[in-house]
Amino acid sequence: MTPRRSALFTPAHNERAVAKAKTLDCDVIILDLEDAVAADTKLRARSTAQDALADGGFDPREITVRLNGFGTEWMTDDLNAFNQVAIDALVVPKAESAQDVFTLGEEMDALGYRPNVELWLMIETPTGVLNARALCTAHSRVGVLLIGTSDLAKCLRVPPTIGREGLVQALLHCVLAARE
C-alpha cells in the first residue's frame, strides 16, 4: 500500500488551481465539484475537470473527483461524466447509507467504470460515523473512508481544537470499521 500523506482538494471550476495542482508535491488530488463550487458554476466545474483529466499530467499522484452528493440535482450527471477518463476514485460526500453506496457502485459498473476505480466515502455526519462499518462493506469498490472533520464537528457542536479532542471517539470508530 502506498501511503497517502497529503490530499489536495482543488475547486474544479478554477482552471489555474487545477493546473497548479499538477505541480504540487501531494499524494492525492481531489477535483472538487461539491463544497468548493457554487451552484452557478457546477457545470463549468464538471467540464473543467473533464478537460483537465483528458489533458493528463497528474502522475504520479492519485487523481479523484469529488461528486456532488446524494439527492442533489448534479450527482447523476457527475457520475455519467467521468466513466471514460483516467481516475483512481470517486469521492462521495456525506456518505450515510450503505444502500446508497451499493447503488452508486452498481451504477458505476453499469456505466463501464474500470473495475479498479474506487469509491472513497466521506464521513461527515453522526449517521455516517455510526454506519461506518456498513459503509465499508456496502460495495466492493469502497476503498477509503475520509473523515470530514470540519463538517462532523459542526454537526456534533464540538468546538474546533488542534487535537480534535471532541472527535476522538468518532475518528477511532471509523478507523476500527475501516480496519475490520
N, C-alpha and C. Protein backbone atom coordinates (compact mmCIF):
# COMPACT_ATOMS: atom_id res chain seq x y z
N MET A 1 0.84 -1.18 0.00
CA MET A 1 0.00 0.00 0.00
C MET A 1 0.88 1.24 0.00
N THR A 2 0.55 2.18 -0.85
CA THR A 2 1.27 3.44 -0.91
C THR A 2 0.68 4.41 0.11
N PRO A 3 1.51 5.00 0.96
CA PRO A 3 0.94 5.94 1.94
C PRO A 3 0.36 7.18 1.26
N ARG A 4 -0.73 7.63 1.81
CA ARG A 4 -1.36 8.87 1.34
C ARG A 4 -1.16 9.90 2.45
N ARG A 5 -0.10 10.66 2.32
CA ARG A 5 0.23 11.63 3.36
C ARG A 5 -0.50 12.95 3.19
N SER A 6 -0.81 13.28 1.95
CA SER A 6 -1.46 14.57 1.72
C SER A 6 -2.43 14.46 0.56
N ALA A 7 -3.60 15.06 0.76
CA ALA A 7 -4.62 15.11 -0.28
C ALA A 7 -5.01 16.56 -0.48
N LEU A 8 -4.97 17.01 -1.70
CA LEU A 8 -5.28 18.40 -2.03
C LEU A 8 -6.66 18.48 -2.67
N PHE A 9 -7.59 19.13 -1.98
CA PHE A 9 -8.90 19.42 -2.55
C PHE A 9 -8.74 20.67 -3.42
N THR A 10 -9.12 20.54 -4.69
CA THR A 10 -8.97 21.64 -5.64
C THR A 10 -10.32 21.96 -6.26
N PRO A 11 -10.79 23.21 -6.15
CA PRO A 11 -12.07 23.56 -6.78
C PRO A 11 -11.97 23.37 -8.29
N ALA A 12 -12.77 22.46 -8.82
CA ALA A 12 -12.63 22.06 -10.22
C ALA A 12 -12.96 23.17 -11.21
N HIS A 13 -13.71 24.18 -10.80
CA HIS A 13 -14.04 25.25 -11.74
C HIS A 13 -12.89 26.23 -11.92
N ASN A 14 -11.87 26.15 -11.06
CA ASN A 14 -10.75 27.08 -11.09
C ASN A 14 -9.61 26.47 -11.91
N GLU A 15 -9.53 26.85 -13.18
CA GLU A 15 -8.54 26.28 -14.09
C GLU A 15 -7.12 26.50 -13.60
N ARG A 16 -6.84 27.67 -13.05
CA ARG A 16 -5.48 27.95 -12.55
C ARG A 16 -5.14 27.04 -11.38
N ALA A 17 -6.10 26.83 -10.48
CA ALA A 17 -5.85 25.95 -9.33
C ALA A 17 -5.63 24.51 -9.77
N VAL A 18 -6.39 24.06 -10.76
CA VAL A 18 -6.23 22.70 -11.27
C VAL A 18 -4.86 22.55 -11.92
N ALA A 19 -4.46 23.53 -12.72
CA ALA A 19 -3.14 23.48 -13.35
C ALA A 19 -2.03 23.50 -12.30
N LYS A 20 -2.17 24.33 -11.30
CA LYS A 20 -1.18 24.43 -10.22
C LYS A 20 -1.08 23.10 -9.45
N ALA A 21 -2.21 22.44 -9.25
CA ALA A 21 -2.22 21.17 -8.51
C ALA A 21 -1.29 20.15 -9.15
N LYS A 22 -1.16 20.20 -10.46
CA LYS A 22 -0.31 19.24 -11.17
C LYS A 22 1.16 19.42 -10.82
N THR A 23 1.52 20.57 -10.25
CA THR A 23 2.92 20.86 -9.94
C THR A 23 3.24 20.69 -8.46
N LEU A 24 2.25 20.46 -7.63
CA LEU A 24 2.46 20.43 -6.18
C LEU A 24 2.83 19.03 -5.69
N ASP A 25 3.60 19.01 -4.62
CA ASP A 25 4.06 17.75 -4.03
C ASP A 25 2.99 17.23 -3.08
N CYS A 26 2.04 16.50 -3.63
CA CYS A 26 0.99 15.88 -2.81
C CYS A 26 0.76 14.48 -3.36
N ASP A 27 0.13 13.65 -2.55
CA ASP A 27 -0.10 12.27 -2.96
C ASP A 27 -1.41 12.07 -3.72
N VAL A 28 -2.40 12.90 -3.40
CA VAL A 28 -3.73 12.77 -3.99
C VAL A 28 -4.24 14.15 -4.38
N ILE A 29 -4.85 14.24 -5.54
CA ILE A 29 -5.55 15.46 -5.94
C ILE A 29 -7.03 15.10 -6.05
N ILE A 30 -7.85 15.88 -5.37
CA ILE A 30 -9.30 15.68 -5.40
C ILE A 30 -9.90 16.87 -6.13
N LEU A 31 -10.33 16.64 -7.36
CA LEU A 31 -11.01 17.69 -8.11
C LEU A 31 -12.41 17.80 -7.54
N ASP A 32 -12.68 18.93 -6.90
CA ASP A 32 -13.90 19.09 -6.12
C ASP A 32 -15.01 19.73 -6.94
N LEU A 33 -16.10 18.99 -7.09
CA LEU A 33 -17.29 19.51 -7.75
C LEU A 33 -18.33 19.95 -6.72
N GLU A 34 -18.08 19.68 -5.43
CA GLU A 34 -19.11 19.87 -4.41
C GLU A 34 -18.91 21.15 -3.60
N ASP A 35 -18.36 21.05 -2.40
CA ASP A 35 -18.31 22.17 -1.45
C ASP A 35 -17.63 23.42 -1.98
N ALA A 36 -16.56 23.24 -2.74
CA ALA A 36 -15.78 24.38 -3.20
C ALA A 36 -16.37 25.08 -4.41
N VAL A 37 -17.53 24.60 -4.87
CA VAL A 37 -18.10 25.11 -6.13
C VAL A 37 -19.52 25.61 -5.90
N ALA A 38 -19.75 26.87 -6.22
CA ALA A 38 -21.09 27.45 -6.10
C ALA A 38 -22.03 26.83 -7.14
N ALA A 39 -23.31 26.85 -6.83
CA ALA A 39 -24.31 26.23 -7.70
C ALA A 39 -24.23 26.71 -9.15
N ASP A 40 -23.98 27.99 -9.33
CA ASP A 40 -23.97 28.53 -10.69
C ASP A 40 -22.70 28.20 -11.47
N THR A 41 -21.73 27.53 -10.84
CA THR A 41 -20.52 27.13 -11.56
C THR A 41 -20.33 25.61 -11.59
N LYS A 42 -21.33 24.86 -11.18
CA LYS A 42 -21.23 23.39 -11.14
C LYS A 42 -20.96 22.80 -12.53
N LEU A 43 -21.66 23.26 -13.54
CA LEU A 43 -21.48 22.72 -14.89
C LEU A 43 -20.09 23.04 -15.42
N ARG A 44 -19.63 24.26 -15.16
CA ARG A 44 -18.28 24.64 -15.60
C ARG A 44 -17.23 23.80 -14.87
N ALA A 45 -17.45 23.53 -13.58
CA ALA A 45 -16.51 22.71 -12.81
C ALA A 45 -16.40 21.31 -13.41
N ARG A 46 -17.53 20.73 -13.74
CA ARG A 46 -17.53 19.39 -14.33
C ARG A 46 -16.77 19.39 -15.65
N SER A 47 -17.04 20.38 -16.49
CA SER A 47 -16.38 20.48 -17.78
C SER A 47 -14.86 20.71 -17.62
N THR A 48 -14.49 21.58 -16.73
CA THR A 48 -13.08 21.86 -16.48
C THR A 48 -12.36 20.61 -15.98
N ALA A 49 -13.00 19.87 -15.08
CA ALA A 49 -12.41 18.63 -14.57
C ALA A 49 -12.24 17.62 -15.70
N GLN A 50 -13.24 17.47 -16.54
CA GLN A 50 -13.14 16.54 -17.67
C GLN A 50 -11.97 16.92 -18.58
N ASP A 51 -11.85 18.21 -18.90
CA ASP A 51 -10.76 18.67 -19.77
C ASP A 51 -9.40 18.42 -19.13
N ALA A 52 -9.28 18.71 -17.84
CA ALA A 52 -8.01 18.52 -17.14
C ALA A 52 -7.62 17.05 -17.10
N LEU A 53 -8.60 16.19 -16.88
CA LEU A 53 -8.31 14.75 -16.86
C LEU A 53 -7.93 14.25 -18.24
N ALA A 54 -8.56 14.79 -19.28
CA ALA A 54 -8.21 14.40 -20.65
C ALA A 54 -6.80 14.86 -21.00
N ASP A 55 -6.41 16.03 -20.49
CA ASP A 55 -5.06 16.55 -20.75
C ASP A 55 -3.99 15.78 -19.99
N GLY A 56 -4.34 15.21 -18.83
CA GLY A 56 -3.39 14.44 -18.04
C GLY A 56 -2.38 15.31 -17.31
N GLY A 57 -1.24 14.72 -16.98
CA GLY A 57 -0.18 15.44 -16.29
C GLY A 57 -0.27 15.38 -14.78
N PHE A 58 -1.12 14.51 -14.24
CA PHE A 58 -1.28 14.41 -12.79
C PHE A 58 -0.32 13.40 -12.16
N ASP A 59 0.25 12.52 -12.97
CA ASP A 59 1.14 11.48 -12.42
C ASP A 59 2.30 12.11 -11.67
N PRO A 60 2.76 11.51 -10.60
CA PRO A 60 2.44 10.20 -10.07
C PRO A 60 1.31 10.22 -9.04
N ARG A 61 0.61 11.31 -8.94
CA ARG A 61 -0.44 11.46 -7.92
C ARG A 61 -1.66 10.62 -8.26
N GLU A 62 -2.37 10.20 -7.20
CA GLU A 62 -3.69 9.63 -7.42
C GLU A 62 -4.63 10.79 -7.74
N ILE A 63 -5.54 10.55 -8.65
CA ILE A 63 -6.47 11.61 -9.05
C ILE A 63 -7.89 11.12 -8.81
N THR A 64 -8.66 11.97 -8.14
CA THR A 64 -10.03 11.63 -7.80
C THR A 64 -10.93 12.81 -8.12
N VAL A 65 -12.22 12.52 -8.17
CA VAL A 65 -13.22 13.57 -8.37
C VAL A 65 -14.23 13.46 -7.24
N ARG A 66 -14.44 14.57 -6.52
CA ARG A 66 -15.50 14.58 -5.51
C ARG A 66 -16.79 15.00 -6.17
N LEU A 67 -17.72 14.05 -6.20
CA LEU A 67 -19.04 14.28 -6.79
C LEU A 67 -19.88 15.18 -5.90
N ASN A 68 -20.94 15.70 -6.48
CA ASN A 68 -21.99 16.30 -5.67
C ASN A 68 -22.75 15.17 -5.00
N GLY A 69 -23.32 15.45 -3.86
CA GLY A 69 -23.86 14.40 -3.00
C GLY A 69 -25.16 13.78 -3.45
N PHE A 70 -25.50 12.70 -2.74
CA PHE A 70 -26.77 12.01 -2.95
C PHE A 70 -27.91 13.01 -2.81
N GLY A 71 -28.87 12.88 -3.71
CA GLY A 71 -30.05 13.72 -3.64
C GLY A 71 -29.90 15.10 -4.27
N THR A 72 -28.71 15.41 -4.79
CA THR A 72 -28.55 16.70 -5.46
C THR A 72 -28.91 16.56 -6.94
N GLU A 73 -29.19 17.66 -7.55
CA GLU A 73 -29.55 17.63 -8.97
C GLU A 73 -28.36 17.34 -9.88
N TRP A 74 -27.13 17.38 -9.33
CA TRP A 74 -25.93 17.24 -10.15
C TRP A 74 -25.30 15.85 -10.09
N MET A 75 -25.63 15.04 -9.11
CA MET A 75 -24.89 13.79 -8.90
C MET A 75 -24.95 12.85 -10.10
N THR A 76 -26.10 12.63 -10.66
CA THR A 76 -26.22 11.69 -11.78
C THR A 76 -25.38 12.15 -12.96
N ASP A 77 -25.43 13.43 -13.29
CA ASP A 77 -24.62 13.93 -14.41
C ASP A 77 -23.13 13.86 -14.08
N ASP A 78 -22.77 14.12 -12.82
CA ASP A 78 -21.36 13.96 -12.41
C ASP A 78 -20.91 12.53 -12.65
N LEU A 79 -21.70 11.59 -12.20
CA LEU A 79 -21.37 10.17 -12.35
C LEU A 79 -21.21 9.79 -13.82
N ASN A 80 -22.10 10.27 -14.66
CA ASN A 80 -22.05 9.97 -16.09
C ASN A 80 -20.86 10.62 -16.80
N ALA A 81 -20.30 11.66 -16.20
CA ALA A 81 -19.26 12.45 -16.87
C ALA A 81 -17.86 11.85 -16.76
N PHE A 82 -17.62 10.94 -15.83
CA PHE A 82 -16.24 10.53 -15.57
C PHE A 82 -15.97 9.04 -15.78
N ASN A 83 -16.89 8.35 -16.44
CA ASN A 83 -16.70 6.91 -16.63
C ASN A 83 -15.65 6.56 -17.68
N GLN A 84 -15.28 7.49 -18.52
CA GLN A 84 -14.32 7.19 -19.59
C GLN A 84 -12.99 7.92 -19.42
N VAL A 85 -12.74 8.48 -18.23
CA VAL A 85 -11.48 9.19 -18.01
C VAL A 85 -10.64 8.44 -16.98
N ALA A 86 -9.35 8.73 -16.98
CA ALA A 86 -8.42 8.05 -16.08
C ALA A 86 -8.47 8.70 -14.69
N ILE A 87 -9.21 8.06 -13.79
CA ILE A 87 -9.24 8.48 -12.40
C ILE A 87 -9.02 7.25 -11.52
N ASP A 88 -8.62 7.52 -10.29
CA ASP A 88 -8.42 6.44 -9.33
C ASP A 88 -9.64 6.20 -8.47
N ALA A 89 -10.43 7.26 -8.25
CA ALA A 89 -11.59 7.11 -7.37
C ALA A 89 -12.58 8.24 -7.57
N LEU A 90 -13.80 7.96 -7.14
CA LEU A 90 -14.82 8.98 -6.97
C LEU A 90 -14.97 9.19 -5.47
N VAL A 91 -14.95 10.44 -5.05
CA VAL A 91 -15.12 10.78 -3.64
C VAL A 91 -16.58 11.16 -3.44
N VAL A 92 -17.20 10.52 -2.45
CA VAL A 92 -18.62 10.69 -2.20
C VAL A 92 -18.82 11.47 -0.91
N PRO A 93 -19.38 12.68 -0.98
CA PRO A 93 -19.58 13.46 0.24
C PRO A 93 -20.74 12.94 1.07
N LYS A 94 -20.64 13.17 2.36
CA LYS A 94 -21.71 12.87 3.33
C LYS A 94 -22.32 11.48 3.13
N ALA A 95 -21.46 10.48 3.03
CA ALA A 95 -21.93 9.10 2.90
C ALA A 95 -22.57 8.69 4.22
N GLU A 96 -23.78 8.17 4.14
CA GLU A 96 -24.51 7.74 5.33
C GLU A 96 -25.20 6.39 5.15
N SER A 97 -25.62 6.10 3.94
CA SER A 97 -26.45 4.92 3.69
C SER A 97 -25.69 3.88 2.88
N ALA A 98 -25.58 2.67 3.45
CA ALA A 98 -24.94 1.58 2.72
C ALA A 98 -25.70 1.27 1.43
N GLN A 99 -27.02 1.37 1.45
CA GLN A 99 -27.81 1.11 0.25
C GLN A 99 -27.48 2.11 -0.85
N ASP A 100 -27.35 3.40 -0.49
CA ASP A 100 -26.98 4.41 -1.48
C ASP A 100 -25.61 4.10 -2.08
N VAL A 101 -24.66 3.71 -1.23
CA VAL A 101 -23.31 3.40 -1.71
C VAL A 101 -23.35 2.16 -2.61
N PHE A 102 -24.09 1.15 -2.24
CA PHE A 102 -24.23 -0.04 -3.07
C PHE A 102 -24.79 0.33 -4.44
N THR A 103 -25.86 1.12 -4.43
CA THR A 103 -26.49 1.54 -5.69
C THR A 103 -25.51 2.33 -6.55
N LEU A 104 -24.74 3.21 -5.93
CA LEU A 104 -23.75 4.00 -6.66
C LEU A 104 -22.70 3.09 -7.29
N GLY A 105 -22.22 2.11 -6.54
CA GLY A 105 -21.25 1.16 -7.09
C GLY A 105 -21.81 0.38 -8.26
N GLU A 106 -23.06 -0.03 -8.15
CA GLU A 106 -23.72 -0.75 -9.25
C GLU A 106 -23.88 0.15 -10.47
N GLU A 107 -24.19 1.43 -10.24
CA GLU A 107 -24.31 2.37 -11.37
C GLU A 107 -22.95 2.56 -12.05
N MET A 108 -21.88 2.60 -11.26
CA MET A 108 -20.54 2.70 -11.84
C MET A 108 -20.26 1.48 -12.73
N ASP A 109 -20.60 0.31 -12.23
CA ASP A 109 -20.41 -0.91 -13.03
C ASP A 109 -21.18 -0.82 -14.34
N ALA A 110 -22.44 -0.41 -14.27
CA ALA A 110 -23.30 -0.32 -15.46
C ALA A 110 -22.78 0.71 -16.46
N LEU A 111 -22.15 1.77 -15.96
CA LEU A 111 -21.63 2.82 -16.83
C LEU A 111 -20.26 2.48 -17.42
N GLY A 112 -19.70 1.37 -17.00
CA GLY A 112 -18.43 0.94 -17.57
C GLY A 112 -17.19 1.52 -16.91
N TYR A 113 -17.30 1.98 -15.68
CA TYR A 113 -16.10 2.42 -14.96
C TYR A 113 -15.14 1.24 -14.86
N ARG A 114 -13.85 1.52 -15.01
CA ARG A 114 -12.85 0.46 -14.84
C ARG A 114 -13.03 -0.18 -13.47
N PRO A 115 -12.79 -1.47 -13.34
CA PRO A 115 -13.00 -2.15 -12.05
C PRO A 115 -12.16 -1.62 -10.90
N ASN A 116 -11.01 -1.00 -11.22
CA ASN A 116 -10.13 -0.50 -10.16
C ASN A 116 -10.46 0.92 -9.71
N VAL A 117 -11.49 1.54 -10.26
CA VAL A 117 -11.90 2.87 -9.79
C VAL A 117 -12.69 2.68 -8.50
N GLU A 118 -12.14 3.25 -7.43
CA GLU A 118 -12.72 3.05 -6.11
C GLU A 118 -13.75 4.11 -5.76
N LEU A 119 -14.48 3.83 -4.71
CA LEU A 119 -15.33 4.82 -4.05
C LEU A 119 -14.65 5.20 -2.74
N TRP A 120 -14.39 6.47 -2.57
CA TRP A 120 -13.85 6.99 -1.32
C TRP A 120 -15.00 7.73 -0.64
N LEU A 121 -15.38 7.25 0.51
CA LEU A 121 -16.56 7.78 1.20
C LEU A 121 -16.17 8.79 2.26
N MET A 122 -16.79 9.96 2.18
CA MET A 122 -16.56 10.98 3.19
C MET A 122 -17.56 10.80 4.33
N ILE A 123 -17.02 10.64 5.52
CA ILE A 123 -17.82 10.52 6.73
C ILE A 123 -17.84 11.91 7.36
N GLU A 124 -19.00 12.56 7.32
CA GLU A 124 -19.09 13.96 7.74
C GLU A 124 -20.25 14.21 8.70
N THR A 125 -20.98 13.17 9.06
CA THR A 125 -22.15 13.33 9.92
C THR A 125 -22.16 12.23 10.98
N PRO A 126 -22.91 12.45 12.08
CA PRO A 126 -23.04 11.39 13.07
C PRO A 126 -23.59 10.09 12.47
N THR A 127 -24.54 10.19 11.56
CA THR A 127 -25.09 8.99 10.92
C THR A 127 -24.01 8.26 10.13
N GLY A 128 -23.18 8.99 9.43
CA GLY A 128 -22.08 8.37 8.70
C GLY A 128 -21.12 7.64 9.63
N VAL A 129 -20.81 8.24 10.78
CA VAL A 129 -19.92 7.59 11.75
C VAL A 129 -20.56 6.31 12.25
N LEU A 130 -21.81 6.39 12.67
CA LEU A 130 -22.49 5.22 13.22
C LEU A 130 -22.67 4.11 12.18
N ASN A 131 -22.72 4.46 10.91
CA ASN A 131 -22.89 3.47 9.84
C ASN A 131 -21.57 3.12 9.15
N ALA A 132 -20.45 3.53 9.72
CA ALA A 132 -19.15 3.34 9.06
C ALA A 132 -18.89 1.88 8.70
N ARG A 133 -19.21 0.97 9.58
CA ARG A 133 -18.95 -0.46 9.32
C ARG A 133 -19.75 -0.91 8.09
N ALA A 134 -21.02 -0.59 8.04
CA ALA A 134 -21.84 -1.00 6.90
C ALA A 134 -21.39 -0.30 5.62
N LEU A 135 -20.94 0.94 5.72
CA LEU A 135 -20.47 1.67 4.54
C LEU A 135 -19.23 1.01 3.96
N CYS A 136 -18.34 0.54 4.83
CA CYS A 136 -17.10 -0.09 4.36
C CYS A 136 -17.36 -1.34 3.53
N THR A 137 -18.44 -2.03 3.81
CA THR A 137 -18.72 -3.28 3.12
C THR A 137 -19.90 -3.17 2.15
N ALA A 138 -20.33 -1.95 1.88
CA ALA A 138 -21.51 -1.74 1.05
C ALA A 138 -21.30 -2.18 -0.40
N HIS A 139 -20.08 -2.05 -0.90
CA HIS A 139 -19.79 -2.42 -2.29
C HIS A 139 -18.30 -2.70 -2.38
N SER A 140 -17.93 -3.56 -3.31
CA SER A 140 -16.52 -3.93 -3.45
C SER A 140 -15.65 -2.76 -3.91
N ARG A 141 -16.24 -1.69 -4.44
CA ARG A 141 -15.47 -0.53 -4.87
C ARG A 141 -15.04 0.37 -3.70
N VAL A 142 -15.65 0.22 -2.54
CA VAL A 142 -15.28 1.07 -1.40
C VAL A 142 -13.83 0.78 -1.02
N GLY A 143 -13.01 1.83 -1.05
CA GLY A 143 -11.59 1.66 -0.77
C GLY A 143 -11.05 2.53 0.34
N VAL A 144 -11.72 3.65 0.61
CA VAL A 144 -11.20 4.63 1.57
C VAL A 144 -12.35 5.29 2.30
N LEU A 145 -12.15 5.54 3.59
CA LEU A 145 -13.01 6.44 4.34
C LEU A 145 -12.23 7.72 4.58
N LEU A 146 -12.82 8.83 4.23
CA LEU A 146 -12.25 10.15 4.53
C LEU A 146 -13.14 10.78 5.59
N ILE A 147 -12.54 11.25 6.66
CA ILE A 147 -13.34 11.86 7.71
C ILE A 147 -13.33 13.37 7.50
N GLY A 148 -14.50 13.93 7.23
CA GLY A 148 -14.65 15.38 7.08
C GLY A 148 -14.81 15.99 8.45
N THR A 149 -13.68 16.28 9.09
CA THR A 149 -13.72 16.68 10.50
C THR A 149 -14.41 18.03 10.72
N SER A 150 -14.31 18.93 9.79
CA SER A 150 -14.97 20.24 9.99
C SER A 150 -16.48 20.09 10.00
N ASP A 151 -17.02 19.40 8.99
CA ASP A 151 -18.48 19.20 8.96
C ASP A 151 -18.95 18.33 10.12
N LEU A 152 -18.18 17.31 10.47
CA LEU A 152 -18.56 16.44 11.58
C LEU A 152 -18.58 17.22 12.89
N ALA A 153 -17.56 18.03 13.11
CA ALA A 153 -17.51 18.84 14.34
C ALA A 153 -18.70 19.79 14.40
N LYS A 154 -19.05 20.37 13.26
CA LYS A 154 -20.20 21.28 13.22
C LYS A 154 -21.49 20.54 13.58
N CYS A 155 -21.67 19.35 13.00
CA CYS A 155 -22.87 18.54 13.30
C CYS A 155 -22.94 18.16 14.78
N LEU A 156 -21.78 17.86 15.35
CA LEU A 156 -21.72 17.44 16.75
C LEU A 156 -21.68 18.61 17.73
N ARG A 157 -21.58 19.82 17.17
CA ARG A 157 -21.45 21.03 18.00
C ARG A 157 -20.22 20.96 18.90
N VAL A 158 -19.14 20.44 18.32
CA VAL A 158 -17.87 20.32 19.02
C VAL A 158 -16.99 21.50 18.61
N PRO A 159 -16.46 22.25 19.58
CA PRO A 159 -15.61 23.38 19.21
C PRO A 159 -14.31 22.89 18.58
N PRO A 160 -13.80 23.64 17.61
CA PRO A 160 -12.55 23.23 16.96
C PRO A 160 -11.37 23.35 17.93
N THR A 161 -10.55 22.31 17.96
CA THR A 161 -9.32 22.34 18.75
C THR A 161 -8.22 21.70 17.91
N ILE A 162 -6.99 22.03 18.23
CA ILE A 162 -5.86 21.49 17.48
C ILE A 162 -5.81 19.97 17.59
N GLY A 163 -6.07 19.43 18.77
CA GLY A 163 -6.01 17.99 18.98
C GLY A 163 -7.27 17.24 18.61
N ARG A 164 -8.31 17.95 18.21
CA ARG A 164 -9.59 17.34 17.83
C ARG A 164 -10.16 16.45 18.93
N GLU A 165 -9.97 16.87 20.16
CA GLU A 165 -10.39 16.07 21.31
C GLU A 165 -11.85 15.65 21.24
N GLY A 166 -12.72 16.52 20.81
CA GLY A 166 -14.13 16.21 20.75
C GLY A 166 -14.51 15.21 19.67
N LEU A 167 -13.57 14.89 18.79
CA LEU A 167 -13.84 13.97 17.68
C LEU A 167 -13.15 12.62 17.83
N VAL A 168 -12.38 12.46 18.88
CA VAL A 168 -11.56 11.25 19.02
C VAL A 168 -12.40 9.98 18.94
N GLN A 169 -13.49 9.92 19.65
CA GLN A 169 -14.32 8.71 19.63
C GLN A 169 -14.83 8.42 18.22
N ALA A 170 -15.31 9.43 17.53
CA ALA A 170 -15.82 9.24 16.17
C ALA A 170 -14.69 8.80 15.23
N LEU A 171 -13.53 9.42 15.35
CA LEU A 171 -12.41 9.05 14.50
C LEU A 171 -11.98 7.60 14.74
N LEU A 172 -11.88 7.22 16.00
CA LEU A 172 -11.49 5.85 16.32
C LEU A 172 -12.53 4.84 15.83
N HIS A 173 -13.80 5.19 15.94
CA HIS A 173 -14.86 4.31 15.45
C HIS A 173 -14.68 4.04 13.94
N CYS A 174 -14.39 5.10 13.19
CA CYS A 174 -14.21 4.95 11.75
C CYS A 174 -12.95 4.15 11.41
N VAL A 175 -11.89 4.36 12.17
CA VAL A 175 -10.67 3.59 11.95
C VAL A 175 -10.93 2.11 12.20
N LEU A 176 -11.63 1.82 13.30
CA LEU A 176 -11.96 0.41 13.59
C LEU A 176 -12.78 -0.21 12.47
N ALA A 177 -13.77 0.50 12.00
CA ALA A 177 -14.62 -0.02 10.92
C ALA A 177 -13.81 -0.26 9.65
N ALA A 178 -12.94 0.67 9.31
CA ALA A 178 -12.16 0.53 8.09
C ALA A 178 -11.14 -0.60 8.21
N ARG A 179 -10.51 -0.74 9.35
CA ARG A 179 -9.51 -1.80 9.53
C ARG A 179 -10.14 -3.18 9.60
N GLU A 180 -11.36 -3.25 10.09
CA GLU A 180 -12.03 -4.56 10.18
C GLU A 180 -12.18 -5.14 8.78
